[in-house]
Every structure is written in structure tokens, then in C-alpha cells.
Amino acid sequence: MSTSMAAKAPSLFWTLTEGRSLLELNSFYALRPLMKRLPKGDGHPVIAFPGFVASDRSTRPMRNLLRDLGYSTYGWGLGRNLRFNPQREDEMASLLHSVHQRYGRKVSLIGWSLGGVFAREIAKANPEAVRNVITLGSPISGDMDHTNATRLYEYLNGAPSVEMKARMSQLSEAPPVPTTSIYSKTDGIVSWKGSLQKPGGQTENIRVPASHCGLGVNPLVMYLLADRLQHTPSSWTPFEADGAKRFLFRS
């Protein structure tokens, strides 16, 4: 998606109603027994990257579910996601290589919000170790005006350098592996337009009804994760919202 698209942060209404995430969390635990019926995993490893200011604690419910479905799951193990620098990027790449070597299998990467941007960039640099990438409400357009978290990010990390701006202009380029962007039009932190990637090939966008802070526990997102993770790069096809699913999922 071109970064020239008019960039605008979500409306104040959706930001102020992010408390919806509590309902999504409650529905996650209420439906947890039924989620055992989701497609089983093949044991391949999955790393989950948390969103900005979040930690592995935020992805624990999702990772526990995927573990119960048969995947070998990992958090990023780097504490709270506050700053980005070359050292942090090297640490994420090191984790990927460590897990890849331990299992001798390609690794699936799931990134929530800013964590999805990291997952895509790590996959671009290390495609030989990555099976697929799934992002949840991630600002992948490269235009920071698509999120209302920009001021806090720049307060903690400083304004982007010339080199970083050049890199950000390439963020919309998808990694050379199957890549799914799950987004919500009612996201109160990242504008849904900022989460779109150019569809085609092995890239897709799937819309769900969700808040930003609830994407990582939303039962519909859990359904999509179980569906998308079961595909290998050679068997991957875009998600089909057929039958009743077309009322829940849109592209």
C-alpha cells in the first residue's frame, strides 16, 4: 500500500473505547475450551513479538493456546517493547536463528502492533529461517501518522534519523514469505489503512471486528492464527471467508 495514501490516526472515539479489549479477553477465556477444536499444529516453532510498551505477558494467553494446539511457542524474551535500536534488532534475529537451529525447521512469526513491524523486518533479513509472518494491527505502511502512539514512541526513541526514514519508506514491502495482516476498522491505536499491505502473491489482508488492544486475545483472531499457521509456504493459499465466515471476516 502506498505510503502516499492520506495518513490519519484513528478517531478519538475508537481510541477512547479501547476498553472493549476487556470483553475480548473475557470471551477468550469463555471460549477457551471450544478453541481446543481448532486445527492442530505440526509442532513447528512460533515466536510472538509484543506491541509497543507491552511485554511477553501480553502474548502469553495466545502462546498458551497455540502451545496447546501443538506448536512450540516462544515470547521474544526482551522485556517491555519500548525502544528500537541495532542491538535490539540483533537480539531478535539471534532469537530467530537460535529457535530455527534448535528445531531444524522454519519459524512462524506473529507480531502484535509494533511487534508486527519487527517480525516483518526480521523475516526480510532472514527469509531462510521464516515459515510465515502474521501481523495484528501493525503499522506496516511506514507512515507514522497512521498511529496515535507516535509521540510516545518518539519521546522514548527520538525522532527518526535520515537513515531510519529511508528504511521506514520500505516498511510496506512484504517479506518474501507468506504474510498475513490481520486488522480492524475499529482499531483505536493504529489506523486500519496503516495495516494494509498490497495483496497478491503470498500476501493478504484479513479484517476482523476487534479493538487494537484486544487483537491478541480476540477469539476470531485465534481462529485465523490456527488456520494460517497450519499452512506451509508451499501449501499456502489466501484465506477464504466462505459460508458463514464471510459475515465475520473481510479482506
C-alpha atoms as a PDB file:
ATOM      1  CA  MET A   1       0.000   0.000   0.000  1.00  0.00           C
ATOM      2  CA  SER A   2       1.469   3.296  -0.975  1.00  0.00           C
ATOM      3  CA  THR A   3       2.615   5.494   1.830  1.00  0.00           C
ATOM      4  CA  SER A   4       1.229   8.381  -0.155  1.00  0.00           C
ATOM      5  CA  MET A   5      -2.269   7.348   0.995  1.00  0.00           C
ATOM      6  CA  ALA A   6      -3.612  10.072   3.235  1.00  0.00           C
ATOM      7  CA  ALA A   7      -2.350   9.111   6.667  1.00  0.00           C
ATOM      8  CA  LYS A   8      -4.569   9.735   9.647  1.00  0.00           C
ATOM      9  CA  ALA A   9      -4.632   8.293  13.144  1.00  0.00           C
ATOM     10  CA  PRO A  10      -7.790   6.555  14.411  1.00  0.00           C
ATOM     11  CA  SER A  11     -10.618   8.733  15.632  1.00  0.00           C
ATOM     12  CA  LEU A  12     -10.776   9.707  19.297  1.00  0.00           C
ATOM     13  CA  PHE A  13     -13.974   7.690  19.628  1.00  0.00           C
ATOM     14  CA  TRP A  14     -12.290   4.393  18.800  1.00  0.00           C
ATOM     15  CA  THR A  15      -9.296   5.264  20.967  1.00  0.00           C
ATOM     16  CA  LEU A  16     -11.493   6.027  23.981  1.00  0.00           C
ATOM     17  CA  THR A  17     -13.405   2.767  23.506  1.00  0.00           C
ATOM     18  CA  GLU A  18     -10.326   0.527  23.530  1.00  0.00           C
ATOM     19  CA  GLY A  19     -11.739  -0.787  26.812  1.00  0.00           C
ATOM     20  CA  ARG A  20     -13.592  -3.187  24.528  1.00  0.00           C
ATOM     21  CA  SER A  21     -10.485  -5.318  24.836  1.00  0.00           C
ATOM     22  CA  LEU A  22     -11.701  -6.496  28.262  1.00  0.00           C
ATOM     23  CA  LEU A  23     -14.744  -8.033  26.600  1.00  0.00           C
ATOM     24  CA  GLU A  24     -12.462  -9.735  24.087  1.00  0.00           C
ATOM     25  CA  LEU A  25     -10.284 -11.079  26.892  1.00  0.00           C
ATOM     26  CA  ASN A  26     -13.328 -12.402  28.729  1.00  0.00           C
ATOM     27  CA  SER A  27     -14.618 -14.020  25.549  1.00  0.00           C
ATOM     28  CA  PHE A  28     -11.200 -15.581  25.015  1.00  0.00           C
ATOM     29  CA  TYR A  29     -11.367 -17.399  28.344  1.00  0.00           C
ATOM     30  CA  ALA A  30     -15.061 -18.203  27.967  1.00  0.00           C
ATOM     31  CA  LEU A  31     -14.408 -19.856  24.605  1.00  0.00           C
ATOM     32  CA  ARG A  32     -11.041 -21.361  25.559  1.00  0.00           C
ATOM     33  CA  PRO A  33     -12.470 -24.917  25.902  1.00  0.00           C
ATOM     34  CA  LEU A  34     -14.001 -24.710  22.406  1.00  0.00           C
ATOM     35  CA  MET A  35     -10.720 -23.476  20.953  1.00  0.00           C
ATOM     36  CA  LYS A  36      -9.235 -26.909  21.596  1.00  0.00           C
ATOM     37  CA  ARG A  37     -11.144 -27.908  18.459  1.00  0.00           C
ATOM     38  CA  LEU A  38      -9.200 -25.507  16.271  1.00  0.00           C
ATOM     39  CA  PRO A  39      -6.841 -27.045  13.685  1.00  0.00           C
ATOM     40  CA  LYS A  40      -3.888 -28.732  15.362  1.00  0.00           C
ATOM     41  CA  GLY A  41      -0.338 -27.619  14.821  1.00  0.00           C
ATOM     42  CA  ASP A  42       2.511 -29.683  13.434  1.00  0.00           C
ATOM     43  CA  GLY A  43       4.940 -28.802  16.210  1.00  0.00           C
ATOM     44  CA  HIS A  44       6.857 -26.155  14.310  1.00  0.00           C
ATOM     45  CA  PRO A  45       8.118 -23.217  16.391  1.00  0.00           C
ATOM     46  CA  VAL A  46       6.306 -19.889  16.677  1.00  0.00           C
ATOM     47  CA  ILE A  47       7.721 -16.647  18.088  1.00  0.00           C
ATOM     48  CA  ALA A  48       5.355 -13.898  19.244  1.00  0.00           C
ATOM     49  CA  PHE A  49       6.511 -10.267  19.345  1.00  0.00           C
ATOM     50  CA  PRO A  50       4.578  -7.927  21.686  1.00  0.00           C
ATOM     51  CA  GLY A  51       3.312  -4.491  20.782  1.00  0.00           C
ATOM     52  CA  PHE A  52       4.733  -1.131  21.788  1.00  0.00           C
ATOM     53  CA  VAL A  53       5.026  -0.723  25.622  1.00  0.00           C
ATOM     54  CA  ALA A  54       3.852  -4.335  26.061  1.00  0.00           C
ATOM     55  CA  SER A  55       5.829  -7.396  27.118  1.00  0.00           C
ATOM     56  CA  ASP A  56       5.641 -11.170  26.748  1.00  0.00           C
ATOM     57  CA  ARG A  57       2.891 -11.122  29.353  1.00  0.00           C
ATOM     58  CA  SER A  58       0.519  -9.690  26.739  1.00  0.00           C
ATOM     59  CA  THR A  59       1.098 -12.572  24.311  1.00  0.00           C
ATOM     60  CA  ARG A  60       1.018 -15.313  26.944  1.00  0.00           C
ATOM     61  CA  PRO A  61      -2.671 -16.285  26.514  1.00  0.00           C
ATOM     62  CA  MET A  62      -2.187 -16.551  22.737  1.00  0.00           C
ATOM     63  CA  ARG A  63       1.050 -18.506  23.100  1.00  0.00           C
ATOM     64  CA  ASN A  64      -0.502 -20.872  25.623  1.00  0.00           C
ATOM     65  CA  LEU A  65      -3.374 -21.568  23.237  1.00  0.00           C
ATOM     66  CA  LEU A  66      -1.000 -22.240  20.330  1.00  0.00           C
ATOM     67  CA  ARG A  67       1.106 -24.454  22.571  1.00  0.00           C
ATOM     68  CA  ASP A  68      -1.995 -26.477  23.464  1.00  0.00           C
ATOM     69  CA  LEU A  69      -2.746 -26.799  19.730  1.00  0.00           C
ATOM     70  CA  GLY A  70       0.631 -28.385  19.207  1.00  0.00           C
ATOM     71  CA  TYR A  71       3.046 -25.574  18.413  1.00  0.00           C
ATOM     72  CA  SER A  72       6.323 -24.816  20.155  1.00  0.00           C
ATOM     73  CA  THR A  73       5.862 -21.218  21.220  1.00  0.00           C
ATOM     74  CA  TYR A  74       8.251 -18.510  22.320  1.00  0.00           C
ATOM     75  CA  GLY A  75       7.980 -14.947  23.522  1.00  0.00           C
ATOM     76  CA  TRP A  76      10.620 -12.515  22.447  1.00  0.00           C
ATOM     77  CA  GLY A  77      12.272 -12.506  25.895  1.00  0.00           C
ATOM     78  CA  LEU A  78      13.402  -8.874  25.699  1.00  0.00           C
ATOM     79  CA  GLY A  79      11.202  -7.296  28.340  1.00  0.00           C
ATOM     80  CA  ARG A  80       8.919  -4.405  27.609  1.00  0.00           C
ATOM     81  CA  ASN A  81       8.858  -3.192  23.997  1.00  0.00           C
ATOM     82  CA  LEU A  82       9.882   0.440  24.411  1.00  0.00           C
ATOM     83  CA  ARG A  83      12.947   1.114  22.310  1.00  0.00           C
ATOM     84  CA  PHE A  84      14.311   0.038  18.973  1.00  0.00           C
ATOM     85  CA  ASN A  85      17.981   0.132  18.053  1.00  0.00           C
ATOM     86  CA  PRO A  86      20.510  -2.062  16.193  1.00  0.00           C
ATOM     87  CA  GLN A  87      21.261  -4.050  19.346  1.00  0.00           C
ATOM     88  CA  ARG A  88      17.580  -4.866  19.856  1.00  0.00           C
ATOM     89  CA  GLU A  89      17.282  -5.882  16.208  1.00  0.00           C
ATOM     90  CA  ASP A  90      20.320  -8.159  16.528  1.00  0.00           C
ATOM     91  CA  GLU A  91      18.786  -9.753  19.632  1.00  0.00           C
ATOM     92  CA  MET A  92      15.569 -10.527  17.761  1.00  0.00           C
ATOM     93  CA  ALA A  93      17.489 -12.025  14.838  1.00  0.00           C
ATOM     94  CA  SER A  94      19.593 -14.058  17.275  1.00  0.00           C
ATOM     95  CA  LEU A  95      16.441 -15.469  18.864  1.00  0.00           C
ATOM     96  CA  LEU A  96      15.106 -16.449  15.449  1.00  0.00           C
ATOM     97  CA  HIS A  97      18.325 -18.229  14.498  1.00  0.00           C
ATOM     98  CA  SER A  98      18.524 -19.965  17.881  1.00  0.00           C
ATOM     99  CA  VAL A  99      14.987 -21.348  17.593  1.00  0.00           C
ATOM    100  CA  HIS A 100      15.483 -22.245  13.932  1.00  0.00           C
ATOM    101  CA  GLN A 101      18.620 -24.226  14.697  1.00  0.00           C
ATOM    102  CA  ARG A 102      17.100 -25.906  17.745  1.00  0.00           C
ATOM    103  CA  TYR A 103      14.227 -27.382  15.755  1.00  0.00           C
ATOM    104  CA  GLY A 104      15.790 -27.568  12.314  1.00  0.00           C
ATOM    105  CA  ARG A 105      12.547 -26.090  10.992  1.00  0.00           C
ATOM    106  CA  LYS A 106      11.415 -22.741   9.745  1.00  0.00           C
ATOM    107  CA  VAL A 107       9.817 -20.483  12.354  1.00  0.00           C
ATOM    108  CA  SER A 108       6.475 -18.689  12.162  1.00  0.00           C
ATOM    109  CA  LEU A 109       6.490 -15.102  13.416  1.00  0.00           C
ATOM    110  CA  ILE A 110       3.464 -13.381  14.951  1.00  0.00           C
ATOM    111  CA  GLY A 111       3.727  -9.687  15.714  1.00  0.00           C
ATOM    112  CA  TRP A 112       1.193  -7.572  17.534  1.00  0.00           C
ATOM    113  CA  SER A 113       1.147  -3.862  16.613  1.00  0.00           C
ATOM    114  CA  LEU A 114       4.765  -2.607  16.510  1.00  0.00           C
ATOM    115  CA  GLY A 115       5.868  -6.193  17.106  1.00  0.00           C
ATOM    116  CA  GLY A 116       4.490  -6.993  13.662  1.00  0.00           C
ATOM    117  CA  VAL A 117       6.761  -4.409  12.081  1.00  0.00           C
ATOM    118  CA  PHE A 118       9.711  -6.078  13.784  1.00  0.00           C
ATOM    119  CA  ALA A 119       8.535  -9.538  12.666  1.00  0.00           C
ATOM    120  CA  ARG A 120       8.350  -8.421   9.026  1.00  0.00           C
ATOM    121  CA  GLU A 121      11.777  -6.780   9.106  1.00  0.00           C
ATOM    122  CA  ILE A 122      13.390  -9.804  10.758  1.00  0.00           C
ATOM    123  CA  ALA A 123      11.767 -12.013   8.109  1.00  0.00           C
ATOM    124  CA  LYS A 124      13.055  -9.816   5.294  1.00  0.00           C
ATOM    125  CA  ALA A 125      16.607 -10.160   6.574  1.00  0.00           C
ATOM    126  CA  ASN A 126      16.327 -13.887   7.346  1.00  0.00           C
ATOM    127  CA  PRO A 127      13.790 -15.460   4.959  1.00  0.00           C
ATOM    128  CA  GLU A 128      15.587 -18.810   5.007  1.00  0.00           C
ATOM    129  CA  ALA A 129      14.575 -19.232   8.677  1.00  0.00           C
ATOM    130  CA  VAL A 130      10.970 -17.993   8.467  1.00  0.00           C
ATOM    131  CA  ARG A 131       7.886 -20.019   7.530  1.00  0.00           C
ATOM    132  CA  ASN A 132       5.353 -17.187   7.549  1.00  0.00           C
ATOM    133  CA  VAL A 133       4.555 -13.866   9.185  1.00  0.00           C
ATOM    134  CA  ILE A 134       1.251 -12.828  10.737  1.00  0.00           C
ATOM    135  CA  THR A 135       0.763  -9.274  11.985  1.00  0.00           C
ATOM    136  CA  LEU A 136      -2.015  -7.983  14.237  1.00  0.00           C
ATOM    137  CA  GLY A 137      -2.962  -4.329  13.788  1.00  0.00           C
ATOM    138  CA  SER A 138       0.597  -3.413  12.819  1.00  0.00           C
ATOM    139  CA  PRO A 139       1.558  -0.009  11.337  1.00  0.00           C
ATOM    140  CA  ILE A 140       3.237  -1.507   8.296  1.00  0.00           C
ATOM    141  CA  SER A 141       2.636   1.392   5.913  1.00  0.00           C
ATOM    142  CA  GLY A 142       5.765   3.142   7.173  1.00  0.00           C
ATOM    143  CA  ASP A 143       3.816   6.360   7.746  1.00  0.00           C
ATOM    144  CA  MET A 144       3.868   7.134  11.469  1.00  0.00           C
ATOM    145  CA  ASP A 145       0.853   9.417  11.065  1.00  0.00           C
ATOM    146  CA  HIS A 146      -1.260   6.254  10.906  1.00  0.00           C
ATOM    147  CA  THR A 147      -0.898   5.741  14.650  1.00  0.00           C
ATOM    148  CA  ASN A 148      -1.579   7.963  17.640  1.00  0.00           C
ATOM    149  CA  ALA A 149       1.325   6.337  19.516  1.00  0.00           C
ATOM    150  CA  THR A 150       3.910   8.277  17.500  1.00  0.00           C
ATOM    151  CA  ARG A 151       4.518  10.986  20.093  1.00  0.00           C
ATOM    152  CA  LEU A 152       5.238   8.493  22.850  1.00  0.00           C
ATOM    153  CA  TYR A 153       7.449   6.409  20.543  1.00  0.00           C
ATOM    154  CA  GLU A 154       9.484   9.444  19.523  1.00  0.00           C
ATOM    155  CA  TYR A 155       9.709  10.603  23.150  1.00  0.00           C
ATOM    156  CA  LEU A 156      11.355   7.293  24.019  1.00  0.00           C
ATOM    157  CA  ASN A 157      13.350   6.759  20.820  1.00  0.00           C
ATOM    158  CA  GLY A 158      13.882  10.233  19.439  1.00  0.00           C
ATOM    159  CA  ALA A 159      12.828  11.496  16.047  1.00  0.00           C
ATOM    160  CA  PRO A 160      13.760   9.133  13.219  1.00  0.00           C
ATOM    161  CA  SER A 161      17.153   9.722  11.638  1.00  0.00           C
ATOM    162  CA  VAL A 162      17.618  10.168   7.899  1.00  0.00           C
ATOM    163  CA  GLU A 163      18.657   6.523   7.682  1.00  0.00           C
ATOM    164  CA  MET A 164      15.617   5.402   9.644  1.00  0.00           C
ATOM    165  CA  LYS A 165      13.285   7.477   7.482  1.00  0.00           C
ATOM    166  CA  ALA A 166      14.745   5.796   4.406  1.00  0.00           C
ATOM    167  CA  ARG A 167      14.160   2.417   5.992  1.00  0.00           C
ATOM    168  CA  MET A 168      10.621   3.330   7.011  1.00  0.00           C
ATOM    169  CA  SER A 169       9.847   4.156   3.391  1.00  0.00           C
ATOM    170  CA  GLN A 170      10.404   0.455   2.664  1.00  0.00           C
ATOM    171  CA  LEU A 171       8.300  -0.955   5.531  1.00  0.00           C
ATOM    172  CA  SER A 172       5.303  -1.550   3.296  1.00  0.00           C
ATOM    173  CA  GLU A 173       7.317  -4.044   1.279  1.00  0.00           C
ATOM    174  CA  ALA A 174       6.273  -7.511   2.424  1.00  0.00           C
ATOM    175  CA  PRO A 175       8.840 -10.168   3.316  1.00  0.00           C
ATOM    176  CA  PRO A 176       9.393 -12.954   0.738  1.00  0.00           C
ATOM    177  CA  VAL A 177       7.334 -15.462   2.749  1.00  0.00           C
ATOM    178  CA  PRO A 178       3.572 -15.915   3.229  1.00  0.00           C
ATOM    179  CA  THR A 179       2.443 -12.780   5.053  1.00  0.00           C
ATOM    180  CA  THR A 180      -0.938 -12.125   6.622  1.00  0.00           C
ATOM    181  CA  SER A 181      -2.034  -8.772   8.015  1.00  0.00           C
ATOM    182  CA  ILE A 182      -4.991  -9.007  10.390  1.00  0.00           C
ATOM    183  CA  TYR A 183      -6.544  -5.610  11.021  1.00  0.00           C
ATOM    184  CA  SER A 184      -9.658  -3.928  12.369  1.00  0.00           C
ATOM    185  CA  LYS A 185     -11.525  -0.912  11.069  1.00  0.00           C
ATOM    186  CA  THR A 186     -12.344  -0.044  14.698  1.00  0.00           C
ATOM    187  CA  ASP A 187      -8.696  -0.135  15.813  1.00  0.00           C
ATOM    188  CA  GLY A 188      -8.229   2.756  18.215  1.00  0.00           C
ATOM    189  CA  ILE A 189      -4.414   2.888  18.111  1.00  0.00           C
ATOM    190  CA  VAL A 190      -3.352   2.131  14.534  1.00  0.00           C
ATOM    191  CA  SER A 191      -5.463   3.249  11.615  1.00  0.00           C
ATOM    192  CA  TRP A 192      -6.663   0.279   9.610  1.00  0.00           C
ATOM    193  CA  LYS A 193      -5.279   1.921   6.478  1.00  0.00           C
ATOM    194  CA  GLY A 194      -1.821   1.742   8.014  1.00  0.00           C
ATOM    195  CA  SER A 195      -2.131  -2.039   8.402  1.00  0.00           C
ATOM    196  CA  LEU A 196      -2.886  -2.807   4.776  1.00  0.00           C
ATOM    197  CA  GLN A 197      -0.350  -4.423   2.528  1.00  0.00           C
ATOM    198  CA  LYS A 198      -0.514  -4.849  -1.199  1.00  0.00           C
ATOM    199  CA  PRO A 199      -2.383  -8.151  -1.696  1.00  0.00           C
ATOM    200  CA  GLY A 200      -1.301 -10.766  -4.175  1.00  0.00           C
ATOM    201  CA  GLY A 201       1.279 -13.481  -4.370  1.00  0.00           C
ATOM    202  CA  GLN A 202       1.710 -14.673  -0.805  1.00  0.00           C
ATOM    203  CA  THR A 203       0.361 -11.591   0.948  1.00  0.00           C
ATOM    204  CA  GLU A 204      -3.147 -10.971   2.240  1.00  0.00           C
ATOM    205  CA  ASN A 205      -5.188  -8.694   4.490  1.00  0.00           C
ATOM    206  CA  ILE A 206      -7.975 -10.004   6.725  1.00  0.00           C
ATOM    207  CA  ARG A 207     -10.358  -7.701   8.572  1.00  0.00           C
ATOM    208  CA  VAL A 208     -11.910  -8.652  11.878  1.00  0.00           C
ATOM    209  CA  PRO A 209     -14.197  -6.838  14.339  1.00  0.00           C
ATOM    210  CA  ALA A 210     -11.811  -6.024  17.179  1.00  0.00           C
ATOM    211  CA  SER A 211     -10.105  -3.387  19.259  1.00  0.00           C
ATOM    212  CA  HIS A 212      -6.364  -2.842  18.953  1.00  0.00           C
ATOM    213  CA  CYS A 213      -5.606  -3.922  22.497  1.00  0.00           C
ATOM    214  CA  GLY A 214      -7.819  -6.984  22.114  1.00  0.00           C
ATOM    215  CA  LEU A 215      -6.393  -8.354  18.870  1.00  0.00           C
ATOM    216  CA  GLY A 216      -4.063 -10.717  20.690  1.00  0.00           C
ATOM    217  CA  VAL A 217      -6.900 -12.414  22.569  1.00  0.00           C
ATOM    218  CA  ASN A 218      -9.835 -11.952  20.194  1.00  0.00           C
ATOM    219  CA  PRO A 219     -11.332 -15.416  19.526  1.00  0.00           C
ATOM    220  CA  LEU A 220     -11.788 -14.624  15.828  1.00  0.00           C
ATOM    221  CA  VAL A 221      -8.110 -13.773  15.572  1.00  0.00           C
ATOM    222  CA  MET A 222      -7.271 -17.037  17.355  1.00  0.00           C
ATOM    223  CA  TYR A 223      -9.294 -18.856  14.701  1.00  0.00           C
ATOM    224  CA  LEU A 224      -7.311 -17.123  11.969  1.00  0.00           C
ATOM    225  CA  LEU A 225      -3.989 -17.895  13.625  1.00  0.00           C
ATOM    226  CA  ALA A 226      -4.818 -21.594  13.849  1.00  0.00           C
ATOM    227  CA  ASP A 227      -5.903 -21.571  10.216  1.00  0.00           C
ATOM    228  CA  ARG A 228      -2.932 -19.642   8.839  1.00  0.00           C
ATOM    229  CA  LEU A 229      -0.231 -21.414  10.863  1.00  0.00           C
ATOM    230  CA  GLN A 230      -1.163 -24.829   9.534  1.00  0.00           C
ATOM    231  CA  HIS A 231      -0.023 -23.902   6.024  1.00  0.00           C
ATOM    232  CA  THR A 232       3.497 -24.430   4.789  1.00  0.00           C
ATOM    233  CA  PRO A 233       4.969 -21.930   2.308  1.00  0.00           C
ATOM    234  CA  SER A 234       4.343 -24.431  -0.499  1.00  0.00           C
ATOM    235  CA  SER A 235       0.725 -25.141   0.519  1.00  0.00           C
ATOM    236  CA  TRP A 236      -0.181 -21.561   1.426  1.00  0.00           C
ATOM    237  CA  THR A 237      -3.273 -20.073  -0.191  1.00  0.00           C
ATOM    238  CA  PRO A 238      -5.154 -16.894   0.772  1.00  0.00           C
ATOM    239  CA  PHE A 239      -7.793 -17.223   3.473  1.00  0.00           C
ATOM    240  CA  GLU A 240     -11.261 -17.835   2.076  1.00  0.00           C
ATOM    241  CA  ALA A 241     -14.139 -16.310   4.006  1.00  0.00           C
ATOM    242  CA  ASP A 242     -16.788 -18.581   2.555  1.00  0.00           C
ATOM    243  CA  GLY A 243     -20.165 -19.525   4.003  1.00  0.00           C
ATOM    244  CA  ALA A 244     -20.910 -18.029   7.410  1.00  0.00           C
ATOM    245  CA  LYS A 245     -17.303 -16.843   7.698  1.00  0.00           C
ATOM    246  CA  ARG A 246     -17.988 -14.031   5.255  1.00  0.00           C
ATOM    247  CA  PHE A 247     -20.048 -12.327   7.970  1.00  0.00           C
ATOM    248  CA  LEU A 248     -17.059 -12.309  10.330  1.00  0.00           C
ATOM    249  CA  PHE A 249     -14.035 -11.829   8.112  1.00  0.00           C
ATOM    250  CA  ARG A 250     -13.386  -9.442   5.246  1.00  0.00           C
ATOM    251  CA  SER A 251     -10.352  -8.735   3.147  1.00  0.00           C
END
